[in-house]
Amino acid sequence: MIDVLIALIQALGSILFIVVIVSVVLSYFMSPYHPIRSSLDRIVEPMLRPIRRVVPPLGMIDFSPLILIILIQVIQTLLISILASLR
């Protein structure tokens, strides 16, 4: 059972990582009103909003996606470590 939870956490972390990266890349090329981009923004923006309140963009550079990716990785690692210790 714990192995299934670990695999689920790894999959969810990987999916979130990919969604954040794709959202950032598409923000350079697509209109914010494009259906694909607006769908990704609905997933990513609620996670970025609290980070942006603490770390505002510096000029034209927004570090919030990078911070979100780091947080996803840290939380994923912590959860997997906790579950692995329960085996």
Protein backbone atom coordinates (compact mmCIF):
# COMPACT_ATOMS: atom_id res chain seq x y z
CA MET A 1 0.00 0.00 0.00
CA ILE A 2 2.81 2.41 0.87
CA ASP A 3 4.55 1.64 -2.43
CA VAL A 4 1.38 2.64 -4.28
CA LEU A 5 1.25 5.95 -2.38
CA ILE A 6 4.92 6.61 -3.14
CA ALA A 7 4.33 5.91 -6.84
CA LEU A 8 1.27 8.18 -6.81
CA ILE A 9 3.22 11.02 -5.17
CA GLN A 10 6.06 10.62 -7.68
CA ALA A 11 3.62 10.67 -10.59
CA LEU A 12 1.76 13.71 -9.27
CA GLY A 13 5.02 15.57 -8.64
CA SER A 14 6.24 14.80 -12.16
CA ILE A 15 2.96 15.90 -13.71
CA LEU A 16 2.95 19.18 -11.76
CA PHE A 17 6.58 19.78 -12.74
CA ILE A 18 5.76 19.29 -16.43
CA VAL A 19 2.62 21.44 -16.24
CA VAL A 20 4.56 24.34 -14.69
CA ILE A 21 7.33 24.10 -17.31
CA VAL A 22 4.86 23.91 -20.20
CA SER A 23 2.89 26.84 -18.79
CA VAL A 24 6.03 28.99 -18.57
CA VAL A 25 7.14 28.09 -22.11
CA LEU A 26 3.68 28.68 -23.59
CA SER A 27 3.44 32.05 -21.87
CA TYR A 28 6.14 33.28 -24.27
CA PHE A 29 4.35 32.12 -27.42
CA MET A 30 0.60 31.94 -26.84
CA SER A 31 -2.05 34.47 -26.09
CA PRO A 32 -3.38 34.24 -22.53
CA TYR A 33 -6.81 33.66 -24.07
CA HIS A 34 -5.79 30.55 -26.01
CA PRO A 35 -7.77 27.56 -24.65
CA ILE A 36 -4.68 25.44 -23.93
CA ARG A 37 -2.87 28.21 -22.11
CA SER A 38 -5.93 29.29 -20.14
CA SER A 39 -6.46 25.67 -19.04
CA LEU A 40 -2.87 25.40 -17.84
CA ASP A 41 -3.12 28.79 -16.13
CA ARG A 42 -6.17 27.58 -14.19
CA ILE A 43 -4.03 24.78 -12.81
CA VAL A 44 -0.79 26.70 -12.19
CA GLU A 45 -1.92 30.19 -11.17
CA PRO A 46 -3.52 29.20 -7.84
CA MET A 47 -0.18 27.69 -6.80
CA LEU A 48 1.82 30.69 -8.05
CA ARG A 49 -0.36 33.39 -6.50
CA PRO A 50 0.78 32.91 -2.86
CA ILE A 51 4.41 32.76 -3.98
CA ARG A 52 4.02 36.01 -5.93
CA ARG A 53 2.67 37.73 -2.82
CA VAL A 54 5.90 36.92 -1.01
CA VAL A 55 8.35 37.18 -3.94
CA PRO A 56 7.17 39.80 -6.44
CA PRO A 57 8.59 39.77 -9.98
CA LEU A 58 11.94 41.53 -10.32
CA GLY A 59 11.49 43.71 -13.37
CA MET A 60 10.65 41.43 -16.28
CA ILE A 61 11.79 38.27 -14.45
CA ASP A 62 9.29 36.23 -12.47
CA PHE A 63 10.97 33.69 -10.19
CA SER A 64 7.70 32.26 -8.84
CA PRO A 65 7.59 29.27 -11.27
CA LEU A 66 11.14 28.33 -10.27
CA ILE A 67 10.23 28.58 -6.59
CA LEU A 68 7.10 26.49 -7.22
CA ILE A 69 9.15 23.78 -8.93
CA ILE A 70 11.57 23.71 -6.00
CA LEU A 71 8.68 23.51 -3.53
CA ILE A 72 7.09 20.66 -5.49
CA GLN A 73 10.37 18.75 -5.41
CA VAL A 74 10.93 19.40 -1.69
CA ILE A 75 7.39 18.39 -0.71
CA GLN A 76 7.58 15.31 -2.92
CA THR A 77 10.89 14.26 -1.34
CA LEU A 78 9.60 14.86 2.21
CA LEU A 79 6.41 12.88 1.65
CA ILE A 80 8.27 9.99 0.04
CA SER A 81 10.81 9.96 2.90
CA ILE A 82 8.05 9.89 5.49
CA LEU A 83 6.22 7.08 3.70
CA ALA A 84 9.42 5.12 3.15
CA SER A 85 10.16 5.27 6.87
CA LEU A 86 6.77 3.68 7.58
CA ARG A 87 7.62 0.49 5.66
